[in-house]
N, C-alpha and C. Protein backbone atom coordinates (compact mmCIF):
# COMPACT_ATOMS: atom_id res chain seq x y z
N MET A 1 -71.69 9.75 237.14
CA MET A 1 -72.30 8.20 237.59
C MET A 1 -72.86 7.28 236.10
N SER A 2 -72.00 6.46 235.47
CA SER A 2 -72.54 5.38 234.56
C SER A 2 -72.75 4.18 234.71
N TRP A 3 -72.78 3.58 233.75
CA TRP A 3 -72.81 1.69 233.49
C TRP A 3 -71.44 1.50 232.36
N ARG A 4 -70.47 0.92 232.49
CA ARG A 4 -69.19 0.97 231.37
C ARG A 4 -69.51 -1.00 231.50
N PHE A 5 -68.36 -0.98 230.69
CA PHE A 5 -67.94 -2.25 229.96
C PHE A 5 -66.48 -2.25 230.16
N ARG A 6 -65.55 -3.02 230.64
CA ARG A 6 -64.04 -2.93 230.96
C ARG A 6 -63.22 -4.16 230.53
N LYS A 7 -61.99 -4.40 230.45
CA LYS A 7 -61.03 -5.58 230.82
C LYS A 7 -60.14 -4.81 231.80
N MET A 8 -59.79 -5.57 232.80
CA MET A 8 -58.78 -5.35 233.64
C MET A 8 -57.78 -6.69 233.48
N PHE A 9 -56.71 -6.49 233.72
CA PHE A 9 -55.56 -6.79 234.28
C PHE A 9 -54.62 -6.99 235.67
N ARG A 10 -55.05 -8.45 236.75
CA ARG A 10 -54.93 -8.38 237.94
C ARG A 10 -53.50 -8.47 238.06
N PHE A 11 -52.46 -7.84 239.20
CA PHE A 11 -51.37 -8.46 239.92
C PHE A 11 -51.03 -8.14 241.21
N GLY A 12 -51.58 -9.89 241.09
CA GLY A 12 -51.87 -9.65 242.69
C GLY A 12 -53.12 -9.13 243.32
N PRO A 13 -53.03 -7.97 244.39
CA PRO A 13 -53.97 -7.55 244.87
C PRO A 13 -54.45 -6.83 244.05
N VAL A 14 -53.89 -6.13 243.05
CA VAL A 14 -53.66 -5.12 242.15
C VAL A 14 -54.87 -5.07 240.86
N ARG A 15 -55.38 -4.27 240.47
CA ARG A 15 -55.90 -4.55 238.96
C ARG A 15 -55.46 -3.39 238.73
N THR A 16 -55.12 -3.37 237.69
CA THR A 16 -55.14 -1.81 236.37
C THR A 16 -55.71 -2.40 235.20
N THR A 17 -55.77 -1.03 234.64
CA THR A 17 -56.41 -0.72 233.58
C THR A 17 -55.93 0.55 232.57
N ILE A 18 -55.66 -0.01 231.46
CA ILE A 18 -55.14 0.67 230.69
C ILE A 18 -55.99 1.38 229.47
N SER A 19 -56.00 2.96 229.29
CA SER A 19 -56.94 3.07 228.51
C SER A 19 -56.41 4.17 227.82
N LYS A 20 -56.73 4.70 226.66
CA LYS A 20 -55.86 6.04 226.24
C LYS A 20 -55.91 7.19 226.96
N LYS A 21 -55.92 7.29 228.35
CA LYS A 21 -55.65 8.15 228.92
C LYS A 21 -54.98 8.17 229.79
N GLY A 22 -54.49 6.70 229.97
CA GLY A 22 -53.06 6.14 230.74
C GLY A 22 -53.68 5.29 231.75
N VAL A 23 -53.10 4.78 232.98
CA VAL A 23 -53.29 3.70 233.40
C VAL A 23 -54.39 4.22 234.89
N GLY A 24 -54.45 3.18 235.43
CA GLY A 24 -55.47 3.64 236.48
C GLY A 24 -55.18 2.04 237.66
N ALA A 25 -55.45 2.37 238.50
CA ALA A 25 -55.17 1.37 239.67
C ALA A 25 -56.47 0.80 240.52
N SER A 26 -56.87 -0.19 241.27
CA SER A 26 -58.00 -0.24 241.88
C SER A 26 -57.83 -1.17 242.96
N TRP A 27 -58.56 -1.20 244.19
CA TRP A 27 -57.93 -2.51 245.18
C TRP A 27 -59.30 -2.54 246.10
N GLY A 28 -59.78 -3.78 246.14
CA GLY A 28 -60.87 -3.90 246.58
C GLY A 28 -61.17 -6.27 246.33
N ILE A 29 -62.46 -6.08 246.88
CA ILE A 29 -62.80 -7.42 246.78
C ILE A 29 -63.79 -7.59 245.54
N PRO A 30 -63.89 -8.72 244.58
CA PRO A 30 -64.42 -8.96 243.82
C PRO A 30 -65.74 -8.32 244.12
N GLY A 31 -66.44 -7.39 243.57
CA GLY A 31 -67.80 -6.99 243.26
C GLY A 31 -67.82 -5.48 244.05
N ILE A 32 -66.80 -4.93 244.80
CA ILE A 32 -66.70 -3.88 245.15
C ILE A 32 -65.32 -3.31 245.02
N ARG A 33 -64.80 -2.50 245.06
CA ARG A 33 -63.67 -2.07 244.37
C ARG A 33 -63.60 -0.46 244.65
N LEU A 34 -62.59 -0.05 245.10
CA LEU A 34 -61.91 1.52 245.57
C LEU A 34 -60.90 2.04 244.52
N GLY A 35 -60.63 2.84 243.88
CA GLY A 35 -59.58 3.18 242.75
C GLY A 35 -58.94 4.26 242.36
N VAL A 36 -57.77 4.37 241.38
CA VAL A 36 -58.11 5.86 240.89
C VAL A 36 -57.33 6.07 239.30
N SER A 37 -58.27 6.86 239.10
CA SER A 37 -58.42 6.55 237.35
C SER A 37 -57.22 7.26 236.95
N PRO A 38 -56.94 7.40 235.21
CA PRO A 38 -55.53 7.77 234.92
C PRO A 38 -55.27 9.11 235.32
N ASP A 39 -56.37 9.96 235.27
CA ASP A 39 -56.48 11.68 235.55
C ASP A 39 -55.96 11.90 237.00
N GLY A 40 -56.05 10.97 238.29
CA GLY A 40 -56.17 10.99 239.18
C GLY A 40 -57.45 11.31 240.50
N GLY A 41 -58.45 11.04 239.72
CA GLY A 41 -59.70 11.06 239.69
C GLY A 41 -59.89 9.52 240.71
N LYS A 42 -60.44 9.76 241.87
CA LYS A 42 -60.74 8.61 243.14
C LYS A 42 -62.14 8.45 242.80
N TYR A 43 -62.54 6.74 243.06
CA TYR A 43 -63.91 6.19 243.31
C TYR A 43 -63.70 5.07 244.01
N ILE A 44 -65.56 4.64 243.35
CA ILE A 44 -65.45 3.17 244.43
C ILE A 44 -66.54 2.94 243.17
N SER A 45 -66.74 1.45 242.84
CA SER A 45 -67.11 0.69 242.11
C SER A 45 -67.89 -0.51 242.59
N LEU A 46 -69.36 -0.52 242.30
CA LEU A 46 -69.96 -1.85 242.49
C LEU A 46 -70.86 -2.72 241.63
N GLY A 47 -70.03 -3.86 241.42
CA GLY A 47 -70.14 -4.62 240.17
C GLY A 47 -71.18 -6.21 240.43
N ILE A 48 -70.89 -6.84 239.47
CA ILE A 48 -72.21 -8.11 239.25
C ILE A 48 -70.25 -8.75 238.84
N PRO A 49 -69.17 -9.67 239.63
CA PRO A 49 -68.55 -10.24 239.23
C PRO A 49 -68.57 -11.71 238.17
N GLY A 50 -68.04 -11.17 237.05
CA GLY A 50 -67.79 -12.23 236.17
C GLY A 50 -68.65 -11.66 234.72
N THR A 51 -69.36 -10.95 234.85
CA THR A 51 -70.44 -10.01 233.89
C THR A 51 -69.68 -9.11 233.40
N GLY A 52 -68.74 -7.96 233.61
CA GLY A 52 -68.00 -6.81 233.17
C GLY A 52 -68.99 -5.85 233.60
N LEU A 53 -69.94 -6.06 233.87
CA LEU A 53 -70.98 -4.86 234.44
C LEU A 53 -70.72 -4.18 235.88
N TYR A 54 -70.89 -2.88 235.69
CA TYR A 54 -70.78 -2.11 237.25
C TYR A 54 -70.90 -0.94 237.29
N PHE A 55 -71.15 -0.50 238.37
CA PHE A 55 -71.59 1.15 238.48
C PHE A 55 -70.64 1.95 239.13
N ILE A 56 -70.39 2.87 238.50
CA ILE A 56 -68.87 3.94 239.27
C ILE A 56 -69.31 5.07 239.57
N LYS A 57 -69.43 5.19 240.97
CA LYS A 57 -68.96 6.94 241.75
C LYS A 57 -67.62 7.44 241.96
N TYR A 58 -67.62 8.38 241.17
CA TYR A 58 -66.33 9.61 241.67
C TYR A 58 -66.34 10.22 242.40
N LEU A 59 -65.36 10.11 243.03
CA LEU A 59 -65.20 10.94 244.69
C LEU A 59 -65.05 12.25 244.51
N SER A 60 -65.45 13.10 244.74
CA SER A 60 -65.39 14.90 244.21
C SER A 60 -64.43 15.14 245.69
N SER A 61 -63.42 15.87 245.23
CA SER A 61 -62.74 16.88 246.35
C SER A 61 -63.16 18.08 246.32
N GLN A 62 -63.04 18.69 247.47
CA GLN A 62 -63.06 20.31 247.26
C GLN A 62 -62.05 20.67 246.47
N GLN A 63 -61.06 20.39 246.23
CA GLN A 63 -59.92 20.70 245.03
C GLN A 63 -60.57 20.64 243.79
N GLN A 64 -61.29 19.51 243.11
CA GLN A 64 -61.82 18.79 242.26
C GLN A 64 -63.34 20.16 241.69
N THR A 65 -63.86 20.07 242.87
CA THR A 65 -64.64 21.13 242.74
C THR A 65 -64.71 22.78 242.26
N ASN A 66 -63.49 22.74 243.20
CA ASN A 66 -63.10 24.47 242.85
C ASN A 66 -62.37 24.51 241.78
N THR A 67 -61.45 23.81 241.04
CA THR A 67 -61.00 23.35 239.66
C THR A 67 -62.36 23.66 238.49
N LYS A 68 -63.34 23.17 238.91
CA LYS A 68 -64.47 22.99 237.97
C LYS A 68 -65.07 24.16 238.17
N GLN A 69 -65.31 24.69 239.05
CA GLN A 69 -65.99 26.34 239.06
C GLN A 69 -65.08 27.01 238.36
N ASN A 70 -63.89 27.18 238.79
CA ASN A 70 -62.72 28.08 238.36
C ASN A 70 -62.89 27.90 236.85
N ASP A 71 -62.81 26.88 236.06
CA ASP A 71 -63.02 26.39 234.96
C ASP A 71 -64.47 27.31 234.17
N ARG A 72 -65.26 26.61 234.32
CA ARG A 72 -66.71 27.70 234.54
C ARG A 72 -66.53 29.18 234.41
N GLN A 73 -65.80 30.02 235.08
CA GLN A 73 -65.94 30.79 234.85
C GLN A 73 -64.64 31.39 234.22
N ASN A 74 -63.70 31.08 233.91
CA ASN A 74 -63.03 30.51 232.66
C ASN A 74 -63.40 31.02 231.29
N LYS A 75 -64.28 30.24 230.90
CA LYS A 75 -64.99 29.58 229.96
C LYS A 75 -65.84 30.97 229.69
N ALA A 76 -66.68 31.37 230.78
CA ALA A 76 -67.84 32.44 230.76
C ALA A 76 -66.70 33.84 230.50
N LYS A 77 -65.80 33.89 230.82
CA LYS A 77 -64.87 35.11 230.53
C LYS A 77 -64.12 35.28 229.50
N GLN A 78 -63.75 33.87 228.70
CA GLN A 78 -63.57 33.83 227.40
C GLN A 78 -64.83 34.47 226.57
N THR A 79 -65.71 33.62 226.76
CA THR A 79 -66.95 33.81 225.60
C THR A 79 -67.44 35.37 225.69
N GLN A 80 -67.32 35.96 226.70
CA GLN A 80 -67.52 37.63 226.90
C GLN A 80 -66.64 38.04 226.19
N ILE A 81 -65.09 37.88 226.21
CA ILE A 81 -64.35 38.58 225.91
C ILE A 81 -64.52 38.27 224.06
N LYS A 82 -64.56 37.04 223.72
CA LYS A 82 -64.75 36.38 222.02
C LYS A 82 -66.05 37.84 221.36
N LYS A 83 -67.42 37.93 222.50
CA LYS A 83 -68.21 38.70 222.06
C LYS A 83 -67.59 39.88 221.43
N ASN A 84 -67.18 40.69 222.86
CA ASN A 84 -66.75 42.04 222.63
C ASN A 84 -66.18 42.24 221.97
N ASN A 85 -64.78 41.36 221.15
CA ASN A 85 -63.52 41.13 220.65
C ASN A 85 -64.49 41.37 219.02
N GLN A 86 -65.61 40.35 218.71
CA GLN A 86 -65.88 40.45 217.35
C GLN A 86 -66.57 41.46 217.19
N GLU A 87 -67.16 42.80 218.05
CA GLU A 87 -67.71 43.53 217.18
C GLU A 87 -66.97 44.28 216.94
N GLU A 88 -65.62 44.47 216.85
CA GLU A 88 -64.50 45.31 216.31
C GLU A 88 -64.29 45.06 215.48
N PRO A 89 -63.51 45.90 214.40
CA PRO A 89 -63.03 45.39 213.39
C PRO A 89 -61.67 44.86 213.69
N TRP A 90 -61.55 43.59 212.92
CA TRP A 90 -59.87 43.30 213.12
C TRP A 90 -58.97 43.80 213.01
N TRP A 91 -58.54 45.19 212.56
CA TRP A 91 -57.64 45.56 212.89
C TRP A 91 -57.43 46.52 213.79
N LYS A 92 -58.16 46.70 214.05
CA LYS A 92 -58.04 47.42 215.54
C LYS A 92 -57.91 46.06 217.38
N GLN A 93 -58.65 44.85 216.40
CA GLN A 93 -58.56 44.04 217.51
C GLN A 93 -56.85 43.93 217.56
N LYS A 94 -55.74 44.06 216.41
CA LYS A 94 -54.73 43.69 216.36
C LYS A 94 -53.43 44.89 216.77
N ASP A 95 -54.85 46.09 217.04
CA ASP A 95 -54.08 47.56 217.52
C ASP A 95 -53.28 47.65 216.30
N LEU A 96 -53.35 48.08 214.84
CA LEU A 96 -52.82 48.53 213.97
C LEU A 96 -53.35 50.02 213.49
């Protein structure tokens, strides 16, 4: 959850946002919108029309929650492996 500033382009009832991550789209009325970010995350935003100021809340799904937990577990495993590998000389790590 955070405040941001953005520039959007309107194409009929759909608003499109272009960023370095890709293209996102949103639907709604001024001040309240539902959207999909370039990476596929769904969100709701509340804003003050005409100011460019808005508040955004990403809606988490069970799949996103599971993915984040798996990423944390994988990073922890990789860190442990790196610590274990650093204790051995390089020639043993390379199976020489």
